[in-house]
Amino acid sequence: MKQYFNAAALALALTASASAMAAEQNLLSVHVLNQQTGKPASNVEVTLEQKQDAGWKFLNKASTDKDGRIKQFWPAQPAATGDYRVVFKTGRYFSEQKQESFFPEIPVEFHISNTAEHYHVPLLLSQYGYSTYRGS
């Protein structure tokens, strides 16, 4: 029985380690902070798109967690250099907060030049303004 518990503990540790490595290796993450409250903006829907000749190709969609983050936003496909955008659905978020907002969506375009690096797109948000930058 002791061997079973040791094997189960080892399997759990390996799974947790693999999950941590996957989070570190994911190419893209985002974070939304409500600048008016100073708190994370949870449940903000975000889409990821890739720029192509005919327009934008949808790649992924997720919502921010309780900490305002999407830690693993790159879809399960090989990474490629090029132009991308994340679109934060801020109108819905503010509507759920029972507040008006000037920006129903905030698209943030960026360029991936090195697929071996991690890209982080934070958004500082208020009802009538926003700021973004390349995070780490």
N, C-alpha and C. Protein backbone atom coordinates (compact mmCIF):
# COMPACT_ATOMS: atom_id res chain seq x y z
N MET A 1 0.82 -1.18 0.00
CA MET A 1 0.00 0.00 0.00
C MET A 1 0.87 1.26 0.00
N LYS A 2 1.99 1.21 0.74
CA LYS A 2 2.90 2.35 0.80
C LYS A 2 3.47 2.65 -0.59
N GLN A 3 3.77 1.59 -1.36
CA GLN A 3 4.29 1.79 -2.72
C GLN A 3 3.25 2.48 -3.59
N TYR A 4 1.97 2.14 -3.40
CA TYR A 4 0.90 2.77 -4.17
C TYR A 4 0.86 4.27 -3.90
N PHE A 5 0.96 4.66 -2.60
CA PHE A 5 0.92 6.08 -2.25
C PHE A 5 2.15 6.81 -2.78
N ASN A 6 3.31 6.17 -2.72
CA ASN A 6 4.52 6.79 -3.27
C ASN A 6 4.39 6.98 -4.78
N ALA A 7 3.85 5.98 -5.47
CA ALA A 7 3.66 6.09 -6.92
C ALA A 7 2.64 7.17 -7.25
N ALA A 8 1.57 7.25 -6.47
CA ALA A 8 0.54 8.27 -6.70
C ALA A 8 1.12 9.66 -6.46
N ALA A 9 1.90 9.82 -5.40
CA ALA A 9 2.53 11.10 -5.10
C ALA A 9 3.49 11.51 -6.21
N LEU A 10 4.26 10.56 -6.71
CA LEU A 10 5.19 10.84 -7.80
C LEU A 10 4.42 11.25 -9.06
N ALA A 11 3.35 10.55 -9.38
CA ALA A 11 2.55 10.88 -10.56
C ALA A 11 1.96 12.27 -10.43
N LEU A 12 1.46 12.63 -9.24
CA LEU A 12 0.89 13.95 -9.01
C LEU A 12 1.96 15.03 -9.16
N ALA A 13 3.15 14.79 -8.63
CA ALA A 13 4.25 15.75 -8.74
C ALA A 13 4.66 15.95 -10.19
N LEU A 14 4.74 14.86 -10.95
CA LEU A 14 5.11 14.96 -12.37
C LEU A 14 4.05 15.71 -13.16
N THR A 15 2.78 15.49 -12.86
CA THR A 15 1.69 16.18 -13.55
C THR A 15 1.74 17.67 -13.26
N ALA A 16 1.94 18.03 -11.99
CA ALA A 16 2.03 19.44 -11.61
C ALA A 16 3.23 20.10 -12.28
N SER A 17 4.36 19.39 -12.33
CA SER A 17 5.56 19.92 -12.97
C SER A 17 5.33 20.12 -14.47
N ALA A 18 4.67 19.17 -15.11
CA ALA A 18 4.38 19.29 -16.55
C ALA A 18 3.44 20.45 -16.81
N SER A 19 2.46 20.66 -15.94
CA SER A 19 1.53 21.79 -16.10
C SER A 19 2.26 23.11 -15.95
N ALA A 20 3.16 23.20 -14.98
CA ALA A 20 3.93 24.42 -14.78
C ALA A 20 4.81 24.70 -15.99
N MET A 21 5.44 23.65 -16.54
CA MET A 21 6.29 23.84 -17.71
C MET A 21 5.46 24.26 -18.92
N ALA A 22 4.27 23.71 -19.08
CA ALA A 22 3.40 24.07 -20.21
C ALA A 22 3.02 25.54 -20.12
N ALA A 23 2.72 26.01 -18.89
CA ALA A 23 2.35 27.42 -18.71
C ALA A 23 3.52 28.33 -19.07
N GLU A 24 4.73 27.92 -18.67
CA GLU A 24 5.91 28.71 -18.98
C GLU A 24 6.21 28.71 -20.47
N GLN A 25 5.93 27.61 -21.16
CA GLN A 25 6.27 27.47 -22.57
C GLN A 25 5.22 28.06 -23.50
N ASN A 26 4.01 28.34 -23.00
CA ASN A 26 2.98 28.90 -23.86
C ASN A 26 3.45 30.27 -24.35
N LEU A 27 3.28 30.51 -25.62
CA LEU A 27 3.81 31.70 -26.28
C LEU A 27 3.17 33.00 -25.82
N LEU A 28 1.88 32.96 -25.40
CA LEU A 28 1.14 34.20 -25.19
C LEU A 28 0.30 34.17 -23.92
N SER A 29 0.32 35.28 -23.20
CA SER A 29 -0.57 35.47 -22.06
C SER A 29 -1.08 36.90 -22.09
N VAL A 30 -2.23 37.14 -21.43
CA VAL A 30 -2.78 38.49 -21.31
C VAL A 30 -3.21 38.72 -19.86
N HIS A 31 -3.34 39.99 -19.51
CA HIS A 31 -3.74 40.38 -18.16
C HIS A 31 -4.54 41.67 -18.27
N VAL A 32 -5.69 41.74 -17.58
CA VAL A 32 -6.51 42.95 -17.60
C VAL A 32 -6.68 43.43 -16.17
N LEU A 33 -6.35 44.70 -15.96
CA LEU A 33 -6.49 45.34 -14.66
C LEU A 33 -7.42 46.53 -14.80
N ASN A 34 -8.45 46.58 -13.97
CA ASN A 34 -9.37 47.72 -13.96
C ASN A 34 -8.69 48.84 -13.20
N GLN A 35 -8.30 49.88 -13.92
CA GLN A 35 -7.54 50.97 -13.33
C GLN A 35 -8.37 51.79 -12.35
N GLN A 36 -9.69 51.81 -12.55
CA GLN A 36 -10.56 52.57 -11.65
C GLN A 36 -10.66 51.93 -10.27
N THR A 37 -10.68 50.61 -10.23
CA THR A 37 -10.80 49.91 -8.95
C THR A 37 -9.46 49.42 -8.43
N GLY A 38 -8.48 49.33 -9.32
CA GLY A 38 -7.19 48.79 -8.92
C GLY A 38 -7.21 47.29 -8.76
N LYS A 39 -8.26 46.65 -9.28
CA LYS A 39 -8.41 45.20 -9.14
C LYS A 39 -8.40 44.52 -10.50
N PRO A 40 -8.09 43.23 -10.51
CA PRO A 40 -8.13 42.48 -11.77
C PRO A 40 -9.54 42.50 -12.36
N ALA A 41 -9.60 42.49 -13.68
CA ALA A 41 -10.88 42.44 -14.40
C ALA A 41 -11.12 40.99 -14.81
N SER A 42 -11.98 40.31 -14.08
CA SER A 42 -12.26 38.92 -14.38
C SER A 42 -13.42 38.82 -15.37
N ASN A 43 -13.45 37.71 -16.06
CA ASN A 43 -14.51 37.39 -17.03
C ASN A 43 -14.56 38.36 -18.21
N VAL A 44 -13.40 38.85 -18.63
CA VAL A 44 -13.32 39.65 -19.86
C VAL A 44 -13.02 38.69 -21.00
N GLU A 45 -13.90 38.65 -21.98
CA GLU A 45 -13.67 37.78 -23.14
C GLU A 45 -12.60 38.40 -24.02
N VAL A 46 -11.68 37.55 -24.50
CA VAL A 46 -10.58 38.00 -25.34
C VAL A 46 -10.45 37.03 -26.51
N THR A 47 -10.25 37.58 -27.71
CA THR A 47 -10.01 36.73 -28.87
C THR A 47 -8.59 36.98 -29.38
N LEU A 48 -8.03 35.97 -30.03
CA LEU A 48 -6.72 36.06 -30.67
C LEU A 48 -6.91 35.81 -32.15
N GLU A 49 -6.32 36.69 -32.97
CA GLU A 49 -6.43 36.57 -34.42
C GLU A 49 -5.06 36.78 -35.06
N GLN A 50 -4.88 36.16 -36.23
CA GLN A 50 -3.65 36.30 -37.00
C GLN A 50 -3.96 37.07 -38.28
N LYS A 51 -3.11 38.05 -38.60
CA LYS A 51 -3.30 38.85 -39.80
C LYS A 51 -2.90 38.04 -41.03
N GLN A 52 -3.78 38.03 -42.02
CA GLN A 52 -3.53 37.36 -43.27
C GLN A 52 -3.94 38.29 -44.41
N ASP A 53 -3.60 37.91 -45.64
CA ASP A 53 -3.90 38.77 -46.79
C ASP A 53 -5.37 39.15 -46.87
N ALA A 54 -6.25 38.22 -46.57
CA ALA A 54 -7.69 38.46 -46.71
C ALA A 54 -8.32 39.05 -45.45
N GLY A 55 -7.53 39.38 -44.45
CA GLY A 55 -8.07 39.93 -43.21
C GLY A 55 -7.50 39.22 -42.00
N TRP A 56 -8.36 38.98 -41.02
CA TRP A 56 -7.93 38.38 -39.77
C TRP A 56 -8.49 36.97 -39.63
N LYS A 57 -7.63 36.03 -39.24
CA LYS A 57 -8.02 34.63 -39.04
C LYS A 57 -8.15 34.37 -37.53
N PHE A 58 -9.30 33.89 -37.10
CA PHE A 58 -9.55 33.57 -35.70
C PHE A 58 -8.67 32.40 -35.27
N LEU A 59 -8.03 32.54 -34.09
CA LEU A 59 -7.18 31.47 -33.56
C LEU A 59 -7.67 30.92 -32.21
N ASN A 60 -8.17 31.81 -31.36
CA ASN A 60 -8.54 31.35 -30.02
C ASN A 60 -9.45 32.37 -29.34
N LYS A 61 -10.18 31.88 -28.33
CA LYS A 61 -11.03 32.74 -27.52
C LYS A 61 -11.03 32.19 -26.10
N ALA A 62 -10.95 33.09 -25.11
CA ALA A 62 -10.98 32.70 -23.71
C ALA A 62 -11.42 33.91 -22.90
N SER A 63 -11.68 33.69 -21.63
CA SER A 63 -12.04 34.77 -20.71
C SER A 63 -11.03 34.81 -19.58
N THR A 64 -10.80 36.02 -19.06
CA THR A 64 -9.84 36.18 -17.98
C THR A 64 -10.35 35.49 -16.71
N ASP A 65 -9.41 34.99 -15.93
CA ASP A 65 -9.74 34.31 -14.68
C ASP A 65 -9.96 35.33 -13.56
N LYS A 66 -10.08 34.87 -12.33
CA LYS A 66 -10.35 35.77 -11.21
C LYS A 66 -9.21 36.76 -10.97
N ASP A 67 -8.02 36.44 -11.46
CA ASP A 67 -6.88 37.35 -11.35
C ASP A 67 -6.73 38.23 -12.58
N GLY A 68 -7.72 38.20 -13.47
CA GLY A 68 -7.68 39.02 -14.68
C GLY A 68 -6.72 38.49 -15.73
N ARG A 69 -6.37 37.22 -15.67
CA ARG A 69 -5.34 36.67 -16.56
C ARG A 69 -5.86 35.54 -17.44
N ILE A 70 -5.25 35.43 -18.59
CA ILE A 70 -5.32 34.22 -19.40
C ILE A 70 -3.85 33.81 -19.55
N LYS A 71 -3.46 32.80 -18.82
CA LYS A 71 -2.04 32.44 -18.71
C LYS A 71 -1.53 31.66 -19.92
N GLN A 72 -2.39 30.90 -20.56
CA GLN A 72 -1.98 30.10 -21.71
C GLN A 72 -2.95 30.39 -22.85
N PHE A 73 -2.67 31.44 -23.59
CA PHE A 73 -3.62 31.90 -24.61
C PHE A 73 -3.29 31.41 -26.02
N TRP A 74 -2.04 30.98 -26.23
CA TRP A 74 -1.69 30.49 -27.57
C TRP A 74 -2.39 29.16 -27.80
N PRO A 75 -3.05 28.99 -28.95
CA PRO A 75 -3.77 27.73 -29.21
C PRO A 75 -2.81 26.57 -29.43
N ALA A 76 -3.36 25.38 -29.44
CA ALA A 76 -2.56 24.16 -29.63
C ALA A 76 -2.20 24.01 -31.10
N GLN A 77 -1.31 24.85 -31.56
CA GLN A 77 -0.80 24.80 -32.93
C GLN A 77 0.60 25.39 -32.91
N PRO A 78 1.40 25.06 -33.91
CA PRO A 78 2.76 25.61 -33.95
C PRO A 78 2.75 27.13 -34.02
N ALA A 79 3.69 27.74 -33.33
CA ALA A 79 3.82 29.19 -33.35
C ALA A 79 4.47 29.62 -34.66
N ALA A 80 4.08 30.79 -35.14
CA ALA A 80 4.65 31.35 -36.37
C ALA A 80 4.88 32.84 -36.18
N THR A 81 5.94 33.35 -36.77
CA THR A 81 6.16 34.79 -36.72
C THR A 81 5.07 35.48 -37.55
N GLY A 82 4.83 36.74 -37.25
CA GLY A 82 3.83 37.49 -38.01
C GLY A 82 3.09 38.47 -37.14
N ASP A 83 2.03 39.05 -37.72
CA ASP A 83 1.23 40.05 -37.03
C ASP A 83 -0.03 39.40 -36.46
N TYR A 84 -0.33 39.78 -35.24
CA TYR A 84 -1.46 39.23 -34.50
C TYR A 84 -2.20 40.36 -33.81
N ARG A 85 -3.39 40.02 -33.30
CA ARG A 85 -4.08 40.96 -32.43
C ARG A 85 -4.90 40.19 -31.40
N VAL A 86 -4.99 40.79 -30.23
CA VAL A 86 -5.93 40.34 -29.22
C VAL A 86 -7.01 41.40 -29.15
N VAL A 87 -8.25 40.96 -29.04
CA VAL A 87 -9.38 41.89 -28.96
C VAL A 87 -10.06 41.66 -27.61
N PHE A 88 -10.01 42.67 -26.76
CA PHE A 88 -10.63 42.62 -25.45
C PHE A 88 -12.07 43.11 -25.58
N LYS A 89 -13.04 42.30 -25.18
CA LYS A 89 -14.47 42.63 -25.27
C LYS A 89 -14.86 43.42 -24.03
N THR A 90 -14.48 44.68 -24.00
CA THR A 90 -14.65 45.51 -22.80
C THR A 90 -16.08 46.02 -22.61
N GLY A 91 -16.84 46.16 -23.69
CA GLY A 91 -18.22 46.62 -23.56
C GLY A 91 -19.04 45.68 -22.70
N ARG A 92 -18.92 44.40 -22.96
CA ARG A 92 -19.64 43.40 -22.18
C ARG A 92 -19.20 43.41 -20.72
N TYR A 93 -17.89 43.54 -20.50
CA TYR A 93 -17.36 43.57 -19.14
C TYR A 93 -17.97 44.73 -18.36
N PHE A 94 -17.96 45.95 -18.93
CA PHE A 94 -18.50 47.10 -18.21
C PHE A 94 -20.01 47.01 -18.05
N SER A 95 -20.68 46.44 -19.03
CA SER A 95 -22.12 46.23 -18.91
C SER A 95 -22.43 45.34 -17.72
N GLU A 96 -21.65 44.29 -17.53
CA GLU A 96 -21.82 43.41 -16.38
C GLU A 96 -21.54 44.13 -15.06
N GLN A 97 -20.69 45.17 -15.12
CA GLN A 97 -20.38 45.98 -13.93
C GLN A 97 -21.41 47.09 -13.74
N LYS A 98 -22.38 47.15 -14.64
CA LYS A 98 -23.43 48.18 -14.64
C LYS A 98 -22.82 49.58 -14.78
N GLN A 99 -21.85 49.67 -15.71
CA GLN A 99 -21.18 50.93 -16.00
C GLN A 99 -21.15 51.14 -17.51
N GLU A 100 -21.15 52.41 -17.91
CA GLU A 100 -20.99 52.74 -19.32
C GLU A 100 -19.51 52.66 -19.67
N SER A 101 -19.25 52.53 -20.97
CA SER A 101 -17.88 52.54 -21.45
C SER A 101 -17.85 53.10 -22.86
N PHE A 102 -16.82 53.81 -23.17
CA PHE A 102 -16.66 54.40 -24.49
C PHE A 102 -16.15 53.38 -25.51
N PHE A 103 -15.46 52.35 -25.03
CA PHE A 103 -14.83 51.37 -25.91
C PHE A 103 -15.54 50.01 -25.79
N PRO A 104 -16.33 49.61 -26.79
CA PRO A 104 -16.96 48.30 -26.73
C PRO A 104 -15.96 47.16 -26.92
N GLU A 105 -14.89 47.43 -27.65
CA GLU A 105 -13.80 46.46 -27.85
C GLU A 105 -12.49 47.23 -27.91
N ILE A 106 -11.44 46.57 -27.47
CA ILE A 106 -10.11 47.17 -27.58
C ILE A 106 -9.21 46.17 -28.30
N PRO A 107 -8.92 46.45 -29.60
CA PRO A 107 -8.00 45.58 -30.32
C PRO A 107 -6.56 46.04 -30.11
N VAL A 108 -5.69 45.10 -29.83
CA VAL A 108 -4.28 45.42 -29.64
C VAL A 108 -3.50 44.56 -30.63
N GLU A 109 -2.90 45.23 -31.62
CA GLU A 109 -2.11 44.54 -32.64
C GLU A 109 -0.65 44.49 -32.19
N PHE A 110 0.00 43.37 -32.50
CA PHE A 110 1.41 43.22 -32.13
C PHE A 110 2.08 42.28 -33.12
N HIS A 111 3.41 42.28 -33.09
CA HIS A 111 4.20 41.46 -34.01
C HIS A 111 5.01 40.44 -33.22
N ILE A 112 4.93 39.19 -33.63
CA ILE A 112 5.76 38.13 -33.05
C ILE A 112 6.93 37.90 -33.99
N SER A 113 8.12 38.19 -33.49
CA SER A 113 9.32 38.04 -34.31
C SER A 113 10.18 36.85 -33.89
N ASN A 114 9.93 36.33 -32.69
CA ASN A 114 10.74 35.23 -32.19
C ASN A 114 9.83 34.27 -31.43
N THR A 115 9.56 33.12 -31.99
CA THR A 115 8.63 32.18 -31.37
C THR A 115 9.23 31.44 -30.17
N ALA A 116 10.50 31.69 -29.88
CA ALA A 116 11.12 31.10 -28.70
C ALA A 116 10.93 31.99 -27.47
N GLU A 117 10.41 33.20 -27.66
CA GLU A 117 10.17 34.13 -26.55
C GLU A 117 8.72 34.03 -26.09
N HIS A 118 8.47 34.55 -24.89
CA HIS A 118 7.10 34.65 -24.38
C HIS A 118 6.60 36.07 -24.62
N TYR A 119 5.36 36.19 -25.05
CA TYR A 119 4.74 37.49 -25.28
C TYR A 119 3.59 37.67 -24.30
N HIS A 120 3.57 38.82 -23.62
CA HIS A 120 2.53 39.12 -22.63
C HIS A 120 1.92 40.47 -22.98
N VAL A 121 0.59 40.51 -23.08
CA VAL A 121 -0.11 41.75 -23.45
C VAL A 121 -1.01 42.15 -22.28
N PRO A 122 -0.55 43.10 -21.45
CA PRO A 122 -1.39 43.59 -20.36
C PRO A 122 -2.24 44.77 -20.83
N LEU A 123 -3.41 44.91 -20.22
CA LEU A 123 -4.31 46.02 -20.53
C LEU A 123 -4.72 46.67 -19.23
N LEU A 124 -4.42 47.97 -19.10
CA LEU A 124 -4.90 48.77 -17.98
C LEU A 124 -6.15 49.47 -18.49
N LEU A 125 -7.27 49.24 -17.84
CA LEU A 125 -8.57 49.59 -18.38
C LEU A 125 -9.34 50.53 -17.47
N SER A 126 -10.01 51.50 -18.07
CA SER A 126 -11.01 52.30 -17.36
C SER A 126 -12.18 52.49 -18.33
N GLN A 127 -13.25 53.11 -17.87
CA GLN A 127 -14.42 53.27 -18.72
C GLN A 127 -14.15 54.10 -19.97
N TYR A 128 -13.23 55.05 -19.87
CA TYR A 128 -13.03 55.99 -20.97
C TYR A 128 -11.58 56.09 -21.42
N GLY A 129 -10.79 55.09 -21.09
CA GLY A 129 -9.41 55.09 -21.53
C GLY A 129 -8.75 53.75 -21.26
N TYR A 130 -7.60 53.55 -21.87
CA TYR A 130 -6.85 52.32 -21.64
C TYR A 130 -5.39 52.54 -22.01
N SER A 131 -4.56 51.63 -21.53
CA SER A 131 -3.14 51.66 -21.81
C SER A 131 -2.67 50.21 -21.94
N THR A 132 -1.70 49.99 -22.81
CA THR A 132 -1.14 48.66 -22.98
C THR A 132 0.34 48.78 -23.29
N TYR A 133 1.05 47.68 -23.18
CA TYR A 133 2.49 47.64 -23.46
C TYR A 133 2.89 46.18 -23.57
N ARG A 134 4.12 45.94 -23.98
CA ARG A 134 4.61 44.56 -24.00
C ARG A 134 5.13 44.23 -22.62
N GLY A 135 4.46 43.31 -21.99
CA GLY A 135 4.87 42.90 -20.64
C GLY A 135 5.85 41.74 -20.70
N SER A 136 6.14 41.19 -19.54
CA SER A 136 7.06 40.06 -19.46
C SER A 136 6.43 38.92 -18.73
